[in-house]
N, C-alpha and C. Protein backbone atom coordinates (compact mmCIF):
# COMPACT_ATOMS: atom_id res chain seq x y z
N MET A 1 -31.03 10.30 42.03
CA MET A 1 -31.84 10.42 40.74
C MET A 1 -32.75 9.30 40.50
N PRO A 2 -34.06 9.55 40.33
CA PRO A 2 -34.96 8.43 40.09
C PRO A 2 -34.61 7.60 38.83
N GLU A 3 -35.01 6.32 38.88
CA GLU A 3 -34.69 5.49 37.79
C GLU A 3 -35.16 5.92 36.44
N SER A 4 -36.36 6.52 36.44
CA SER A 4 -36.97 6.94 35.02
C SER A 4 -36.06 8.06 34.47
N SER A 5 -35.54 8.99 35.33
CA SER A 5 -34.71 10.01 34.75
C SER A 5 -33.43 9.51 34.22
N LYS A 6 -32.80 8.47 34.92
CA LYS A 6 -31.63 7.83 34.39
C LYS A 6 -31.86 7.20 33.06
N LEU A 7 -33.02 6.49 32.89
CA LEU A 7 -33.29 5.86 31.60
C LEU A 7 -33.45 6.88 30.58
N ASP A 8 -34.23 8.04 30.87
CA ASP A 8 -34.36 9.09 29.86
C ASP A 8 -33.01 9.74 29.45
N THR A 9 -32.06 9.74 30.30
CA THR A 9 -30.75 10.28 29.99
C THR A 9 -30.03 9.36 29.17
N MET A 10 -29.97 8.04 29.48
CA MET A 10 -29.24 7.10 28.71
C MET A 10 -29.96 6.79 27.43
N LEU A 11 -31.20 6.70 27.38
CA LEU A 11 -31.97 6.30 26.15
C LEU A 11 -33.01 7.41 25.91
N PRO A 12 -32.62 8.57 25.42
CA PRO A 12 -33.47 9.73 25.30
C PRO A 12 -34.56 9.70 24.20
N HIS A 13 -34.57 8.70 23.35
CA HIS A 13 -35.42 8.66 22.22
C HIS A 13 -36.32 7.43 22.29
N ALA A 14 -37.61 7.64 22.01
CA ALA A 14 -38.55 6.46 21.99
C ALA A 14 -38.20 5.52 20.84
N ALA A 15 -38.45 4.28 21.04
CA ALA A 15 -38.19 3.29 19.95
C ALA A 15 -39.15 3.62 18.79
N PRO A 16 -38.72 3.37 17.59
CA PRO A 16 -39.57 3.74 16.45
C PRO A 16 -40.91 2.89 16.49
N VAL A 17 -41.97 3.53 15.92
CA VAL A 17 -43.24 2.84 15.77
C VAL A 17 -43.31 1.97 14.56
N CYS A 18 -42.65 2.51 13.48
CA CYS A 18 -42.55 1.84 12.22
C CYS A 18 -41.90 0.47 12.33
N GLY A 19 -42.60 -0.45 11.89
CA GLY A 19 -42.09 -1.86 11.90
C GLY A 19 -40.76 -2.07 11.06
N ASN A 20 -40.66 -1.30 10.03
CA ASN A 20 -39.45 -1.41 9.19
C ASN A 20 -38.29 -0.76 9.97
N ALA A 21 -38.44 0.26 10.62
CA ALA A 21 -37.48 0.91 11.45
C ALA A 21 -37.09 0.07 12.64
N ARG A 22 -38.10 -0.62 13.20
CA ARG A 22 -37.82 -1.51 14.32
C ARG A 22 -36.92 -2.70 13.93
N THR A 23 -37.19 -3.27 12.79
CA THR A 23 -36.39 -4.34 12.28
C THR A 23 -34.99 -3.93 12.01
N LEU A 24 -34.84 -2.72 11.54
CA LEU A 24 -33.53 -2.25 11.20
C LEU A 24 -32.76 -1.93 12.51
N LEU A 25 -33.47 -1.37 13.44
CA LEU A 25 -32.84 -1.12 14.75
C LEU A 25 -32.39 -2.38 15.42
N PHE A 26 -33.19 -3.49 15.33
CA PHE A 26 -32.86 -4.69 15.89
C PHE A 26 -31.55 -5.31 15.22
N ALA A 27 -31.52 -5.18 13.89
CA ALA A 27 -30.35 -5.60 13.13
C ALA A 27 -29.13 -4.91 13.42
N ILE A 28 -29.20 -3.59 13.56
CA ILE A 28 -28.10 -2.72 13.89
C ILE A 28 -27.53 -3.02 15.28
N ARG A 29 -28.47 -3.17 16.25
CA ARG A 29 -28.03 -3.52 17.59
C ARG A 29 -27.38 -4.95 17.59
N ARG A 30 -28.02 -5.95 16.94
CA ARG A 30 -27.31 -7.29 17.00
C ARG A 30 -26.00 -7.27 16.28
N MET A 31 -25.79 -6.61 15.24
CA MET A 31 -24.53 -6.53 14.48
C MET A 31 -23.56 -5.68 15.26
N ALA A 32 -23.90 -4.66 15.87
CA ALA A 32 -22.98 -3.91 16.62
C ALA A 32 -22.40 -4.69 17.88
N ILE A 33 -23.35 -5.41 18.45
CA ILE A 33 -22.97 -6.14 19.75
C ILE A 33 -22.32 -7.48 19.37
N HIS A 34 -22.89 -8.26 18.50
CA HIS A 34 -22.47 -9.63 18.22
C HIS A 34 -21.63 -9.84 16.98
N GLY A 35 -21.45 -8.86 16.20
CA GLY A 35 -20.61 -8.91 15.02
C GLY A 35 -21.43 -8.79 13.72
N LEU A 36 -20.75 -8.49 12.63
CA LEU A 36 -21.41 -8.14 11.35
C LEU A 36 -22.13 -9.43 10.82
N ASN A 37 -21.63 -10.62 11.13
CA ASN A 37 -22.31 -11.81 10.58
C ASN A 37 -23.29 -12.46 11.52
N ASP A 38 -23.85 -11.68 12.38
CA ASP A 38 -24.89 -12.30 13.28
C ASP A 38 -26.03 -12.91 12.59
N ALA A 39 -26.30 -14.14 12.93
CA ALA A 39 -27.37 -14.94 12.27
C ALA A 39 -28.78 -14.43 12.60
N PHE A 40 -28.93 -13.95 13.93
CA PHE A 40 -30.23 -13.38 14.30
C PHE A 40 -30.57 -12.18 13.53
N ALA A 41 -29.60 -11.32 13.29
CA ALA A 41 -29.90 -10.12 12.43
C ALA A 41 -30.28 -10.43 11.05
N ALA A 42 -29.51 -11.37 10.50
CA ALA A 42 -29.80 -11.85 9.13
C ALA A 42 -31.13 -12.44 9.06
N ASN A 43 -31.53 -13.31 10.02
CA ASN A 43 -32.89 -13.99 10.10
C ASN A 43 -33.97 -12.98 10.23
N ALA A 44 -33.80 -12.00 11.07
CA ALA A 44 -34.80 -10.93 11.29
C ALA A 44 -35.09 -10.17 9.97
N MET A 45 -34.01 -9.92 9.29
CA MET A 45 -34.16 -9.15 7.95
C MET A 45 -34.79 -10.12 6.89
N LEU A 46 -34.41 -11.36 6.92
CA LEU A 46 -35.15 -12.31 6.03
C LEU A 46 -36.60 -12.43 6.31
N ALA A 47 -36.93 -12.48 7.58
CA ALA A 47 -38.38 -12.53 7.94
C ALA A 47 -39.10 -11.31 7.58
N ALA A 48 -38.52 -10.14 7.72
CA ALA A 48 -39.19 -8.91 7.53
C ALA A 48 -39.25 -8.55 6.04
N TYR A 49 -38.17 -8.80 5.31
CA TYR A 49 -38.08 -8.31 3.85
C TYR A 49 -38.17 -9.41 2.81
N GLY A 50 -38.35 -10.67 3.28
CA GLY A 50 -38.46 -11.76 2.26
C GLY A 50 -37.12 -12.04 1.57
N MET A 51 -37.28 -12.56 0.38
CA MET A 51 -36.08 -13.02 -0.32
C MET A 51 -35.18 -11.83 -0.79
N ARG A 52 -35.74 -10.58 -0.69
CA ARG A 52 -35.03 -9.47 -1.16
C ARG A 52 -34.20 -8.79 0.08
N TYR A 53 -33.88 -9.61 1.04
CA TYR A 53 -33.20 -9.11 2.23
C TYR A 53 -31.70 -8.79 2.12
N ARG A 54 -31.16 -9.50 1.13
CA ARG A 54 -29.67 -9.46 1.02
C ARG A 54 -29.05 -8.09 0.81
N LYS A 55 -29.52 -7.34 -0.11
CA LYS A 55 -28.99 -5.99 -0.39
C LYS A 55 -29.11 -5.09 0.86
N PRO A 56 -30.30 -5.00 1.50
CA PRO A 56 -30.36 -4.22 2.74
C PRO A 56 -29.37 -4.71 3.81
N LEU A 57 -29.29 -6.00 4.00
CA LEU A 57 -28.42 -6.56 4.98
C LEU A 57 -26.91 -6.17 4.68
N LEU A 58 -26.60 -6.31 3.42
CA LEU A 58 -25.15 -5.91 3.01
C LEU A 58 -24.97 -4.38 3.27
N LEU A 59 -25.91 -3.62 3.04
CA LEU A 59 -25.77 -2.14 3.26
C LEU A 59 -25.72 -1.80 4.67
N VAL A 60 -26.49 -2.50 5.52
CA VAL A 60 -26.40 -2.20 7.03
C VAL A 60 -25.02 -2.59 7.50
N ARG A 61 -24.47 -3.70 7.02
CA ARG A 61 -23.13 -4.05 7.42
C ARG A 61 -22.18 -2.98 6.95
N ALA A 62 -22.24 -2.59 5.73
CA ALA A 62 -21.30 -1.54 5.17
C ALA A 62 -21.48 -0.24 5.96
N LEU A 63 -22.74 0.20 6.38
CA LEU A 63 -22.86 1.40 7.13
C LEU A 63 -22.21 1.26 8.48
N LEU A 64 -22.39 0.15 9.14
CA LEU A 64 -21.74 -0.04 10.41
C LEU A 64 -20.17 0.00 10.29
N ILE A 65 -19.68 -0.55 9.21
CA ILE A 65 -18.18 -0.54 9.01
C ILE A 65 -17.76 0.87 8.78
N ASP A 66 -18.49 1.68 7.96
CA ASP A 66 -18.15 3.04 7.74
C ASP A 66 -18.18 3.90 8.99
N ILE A 67 -19.13 3.63 9.82
CA ILE A 67 -19.29 4.26 11.16
C ILE A 67 -18.10 3.97 12.03
N ALA A 68 -17.80 2.70 12.08
CA ALA A 68 -16.77 2.20 12.99
C ALA A 68 -15.41 2.77 12.60
N ARG A 69 -15.19 2.86 11.35
CA ARG A 69 -13.87 3.36 10.92
C ARG A 69 -13.68 4.84 11.13
N SER A 70 -14.75 5.60 11.13
CA SER A 70 -14.58 7.05 11.15
C SER A 70 -15.18 7.70 12.45
N ALA A 71 -15.66 6.85 13.45
CA ALA A 71 -16.36 7.43 14.58
C ALA A 71 -15.43 8.30 15.46
N ARG A 72 -16.02 9.29 15.92
CA ARG A 72 -15.38 10.35 16.85
C ARG A 72 -15.00 9.58 18.13
N GLY A 73 -15.74 8.72 18.62
CA GLY A 73 -15.55 8.02 19.90
C GLY A 73 -16.32 6.79 19.86
N HIS A 74 -16.75 6.30 20.97
CA HIS A 74 -17.54 5.09 21.04
C HIS A 74 -19.05 5.42 20.51
N VAL A 75 -19.49 4.57 19.70
CA VAL A 75 -20.90 4.70 19.28
C VAL A 75 -21.67 3.74 20.19
N ILE A 76 -22.67 4.28 20.84
CA ILE A 76 -23.38 3.60 21.96
C ILE A 76 -24.67 2.98 21.40
N VAL A 77 -24.86 1.70 21.53
CA VAL A 77 -26.15 1.08 21.20
C VAL A 77 -26.70 0.36 22.36
N ALA A 78 -27.99 0.32 22.50
CA ALA A 78 -28.63 -0.25 23.59
C ALA A 78 -28.80 -1.81 23.33
N PRO A 79 -29.17 -2.56 24.38
CA PRO A 79 -29.40 -4.05 24.18
C PRO A 79 -30.67 -4.14 23.25
N CYS A 80 -30.84 -5.28 22.62
CA CYS A 80 -31.93 -5.47 21.72
C CYS A 80 -33.31 -5.35 22.38
N CYS A 81 -33.37 -5.59 23.69
CA CYS A 81 -34.58 -5.57 24.42
C CYS A 81 -35.06 -4.20 24.96
N ALA A 82 -34.14 -3.22 24.80
CA ALA A 82 -34.40 -1.90 25.28
C ALA A 82 -35.61 -1.25 24.54
N PRO A 83 -36.57 -0.61 25.30
CA PRO A 83 -37.69 -0.10 24.71
C PRO A 83 -37.50 1.35 24.14
N ARG A 84 -36.31 1.94 24.28
CA ARG A 84 -35.98 3.19 23.84
C ARG A 84 -34.66 3.17 23.06
N MET A 85 -34.21 4.30 22.50
CA MET A 85 -33.01 4.33 21.64
C MET A 85 -32.01 5.34 22.24
N THR A 86 -30.77 5.01 22.02
CA THR A 86 -29.73 6.01 22.34
C THR A 86 -29.67 7.12 21.34
N ALA A 87 -28.94 8.11 21.64
CA ALA A 87 -28.81 9.25 20.66
C ALA A 87 -28.16 8.86 19.37
N HIS A 88 -27.18 7.97 19.51
CA HIS A 88 -26.44 7.42 18.36
C HIS A 88 -27.34 6.51 17.48
N GLU A 89 -28.15 5.73 18.10
CA GLU A 89 -29.01 4.87 17.29
C GLU A 89 -30.05 5.70 16.50
N HIS A 90 -30.55 6.79 17.22
CA HIS A 90 -31.45 7.75 16.61
C HIS A 90 -30.81 8.41 15.47
N ALA A 91 -29.56 8.80 15.60
CA ALA A 91 -28.86 9.55 14.51
C ALA A 91 -28.71 8.55 13.28
N LEU A 92 -28.41 7.31 13.52
CA LEU A 92 -28.30 6.34 12.41
C LEU A 92 -29.55 6.17 11.69
N LEU A 93 -30.65 5.85 12.52
CA LEU A 93 -31.94 5.67 11.84
C LEU A 93 -32.43 6.92 11.18
N SER A 94 -32.15 8.07 11.70
CA SER A 94 -32.60 9.33 11.13
C SER A 94 -31.87 9.55 9.80
N ALA A 95 -30.59 9.19 9.78
CA ALA A 95 -29.79 9.30 8.54
C ALA A 95 -30.34 8.36 7.43
N ILE A 96 -30.74 7.18 7.81
CA ILE A 96 -31.28 6.19 6.91
C ILE A 96 -32.63 6.71 6.33
N GLY A 97 -33.48 7.18 7.27
CA GLY A 97 -34.91 7.58 6.90
C GLY A 97 -34.97 8.90 6.27
N ASP A 98 -33.99 9.74 6.37
CA ASP A 98 -33.99 11.10 5.85
C ASP A 98 -32.74 11.42 5.07
N PRO A 99 -32.59 10.90 3.83
CA PRO A 99 -31.37 11.11 3.07
C PRO A 99 -31.03 12.46 2.86
N ALA A 100 -32.01 13.47 2.76
CA ALA A 100 -31.64 14.88 2.54
C ALA A 100 -30.90 15.39 3.74
N GLY A 101 -31.18 14.97 4.94
CA GLY A 101 -30.56 15.43 6.20
C GLY A 101 -29.48 14.46 6.71
N ALA A 102 -29.14 13.35 5.91
CA ALA A 102 -28.26 12.42 6.38
C ALA A 102 -26.93 13.00 6.81
N ASP A 103 -26.41 13.95 6.19
CA ASP A 103 -25.12 14.52 6.48
C ASP A 103 -25.08 15.05 7.92
N THR A 104 -26.16 15.82 8.23
CA THR A 104 -26.35 16.43 9.54
C THR A 104 -26.32 15.29 10.68
N HIS A 105 -27.13 14.25 10.41
CA HIS A 105 -27.32 13.14 11.37
C HIS A 105 -25.97 12.41 11.54
N ILE A 106 -25.33 12.09 10.44
CA ILE A 106 -24.05 11.35 10.51
C ILE A 106 -22.93 12.11 11.15
N ALA A 107 -22.95 13.45 10.92
CA ALA A 107 -21.96 14.38 11.49
C ALA A 107 -21.93 14.24 13.07
N ARG A 108 -23.11 13.89 13.64
CA ARG A 108 -23.11 13.76 15.19
C ARG A 108 -22.27 12.57 15.59
N LEU A 109 -22.00 11.55 14.69
CA LEU A 109 -21.17 10.44 15.02
C LEU A 109 -19.76 10.49 14.59
N LEU A 110 -19.51 11.15 13.44
CA LEU A 110 -18.22 11.10 12.84
C LEU A 110 -17.51 12.45 12.84
N ASP A 111 -16.25 12.37 12.55
CA ASP A 111 -15.44 13.66 12.32
C ASP A 111 -16.07 14.30 11.02
N SER A 112 -16.09 15.65 11.06
CA SER A 112 -16.84 16.38 9.98
C SER A 112 -16.32 16.01 8.54
N GLY A 113 -15.09 15.77 8.41
CA GLY A 113 -14.55 15.54 7.00
C GLY A 113 -14.71 14.10 6.54
N LYS A 114 -15.27 13.26 7.34
CA LYS A 114 -15.32 11.82 6.96
C LYS A 114 -16.71 11.33 6.82
N THR A 115 -17.65 12.08 6.56
CA THR A 115 -19.05 11.72 6.53
C THR A 115 -19.48 11.16 5.19
N SER A 116 -18.84 11.55 4.14
CA SER A 116 -19.37 11.24 2.75
C SER A 116 -19.64 9.79 2.48
N THR A 117 -18.74 8.92 2.89
CA THR A 117 -18.97 7.46 2.67
C THR A 117 -20.14 6.87 3.39
N ALA A 118 -20.23 7.25 4.62
CA ALA A 118 -21.39 6.84 5.45
C ALA A 118 -22.69 7.42 4.94
N VAL A 119 -22.68 8.65 4.54
CA VAL A 119 -23.96 9.30 3.97
C VAL A 119 -24.36 8.56 2.79
N ALA A 120 -23.31 8.22 1.89
CA ALA A 120 -23.68 7.53 0.62
C ALA A 120 -24.28 6.13 0.86
N THR A 121 -23.69 5.49 1.86
CA THR A 121 -24.24 4.12 2.29
C THR A 121 -25.58 4.24 2.84
N ALA A 122 -25.81 5.31 3.77
CA ALA A 122 -27.20 5.36 4.32
C ALA A 122 -28.15 5.73 3.31
N THR A 123 -27.89 6.54 2.29
CA THR A 123 -28.79 6.88 1.20
C THR A 123 -29.08 5.68 0.38
N ALA A 124 -27.99 4.82 0.10
CA ALA A 124 -28.24 3.62 -0.71
C ALA A 124 -29.12 2.69 0.08
N LEU A 125 -28.97 2.55 1.40
CA LEU A 125 -29.82 1.70 2.18
C LEU A 125 -31.26 2.20 2.16
N ASN A 126 -31.48 3.46 2.25
CA ASN A 126 -32.83 4.05 2.15
C ASN A 126 -33.50 3.72 0.77
N GLU A 127 -32.69 3.88 -0.29
CA GLU A 127 -33.23 3.57 -1.57
C GLU A 127 -33.48 2.03 -1.77
N SER A 128 -32.65 1.24 -1.21
CA SER A 128 -32.85 -0.24 -1.21
C SER A 128 -34.10 -0.66 -0.52
N LEU A 129 -34.32 -0.06 0.68
CA LEU A 129 -35.54 -0.39 1.47
C LEU A 129 -36.82 0.12 0.76
N SER A 130 -36.73 1.30 0.18
CA SER A 130 -37.84 1.91 -0.51
C SER A 130 -38.20 1.09 -1.75
N ALA A 131 -37.13 0.49 -2.43
CA ALA A 131 -37.45 -0.33 -3.68
C ALA A 131 -38.13 -1.58 -3.38
N ILE A 132 -37.96 -2.15 -2.10
CA ILE A 132 -38.64 -3.37 -1.85
C ILE A 132 -39.92 -3.12 -1.01
N GLY A 133 -40.31 -1.87 -0.99
CA GLY A 133 -41.53 -1.48 -0.32
C GLY A 133 -41.49 -1.40 1.19
N ARG A 134 -40.30 -1.21 1.78
CA ARG A 134 -40.17 -1.19 3.25
C ARG A 134 -39.44 0.05 3.63
N PRO A 135 -39.92 1.23 3.34
CA PRO A 135 -39.21 2.51 3.75
C PRO A 135 -39.19 2.56 5.27
N VAL A 136 -38.13 3.28 5.74
CA VAL A 136 -37.97 3.60 7.20
C VAL A 136 -38.70 4.93 7.46
N ALA A 137 -39.53 4.94 8.52
CA ALA A 137 -40.14 6.22 8.95
C ALA A 137 -39.89 6.29 10.49
N LEU A 138 -39.53 7.44 10.93
CA LEU A 138 -39.33 7.70 12.36
C LEU A 138 -40.50 8.57 12.89
C-alpha cells in the first residue's frame, strides 16, 4: 500500500483552515497526549485568546474528561505536528463547531446513552469561544 493511502486511512480529514479551530486542535492534542495540565496547551490558548483564555481552557479540559469517562474505546489523536486529523478529532471539533449536530458527532465516540454531558460541555465551549469573538469553523 502506498504511503499516501496509509496516511489517508489513518488521518482521513484535512486539518482545519480556521485559526481558532487549529488552536483548539493543538490544545486537544497536547492535553490528550501530555495531560490536562499541559503548559504548552495553556500557553497556546493564552496566545490565541488573550486574557479571556481561562474559560475555554477549562471547558476543553472538561470535554476531554467527559469523553475519557464515557468513550466506547480508545479515542485516537494525532501528534501535534500532523497535517491532517483523525476521525475522532474531526468528531470533537465538529461537535464544538456545530452545537445543533453535536449529539450526532459525539455519538461516534461514546456509548449512545452517555452523550448528554459531553454535548453540554461542547455547546458551552462553542458559546464561550463565540463570546470572545473566536468561533470555531470547519
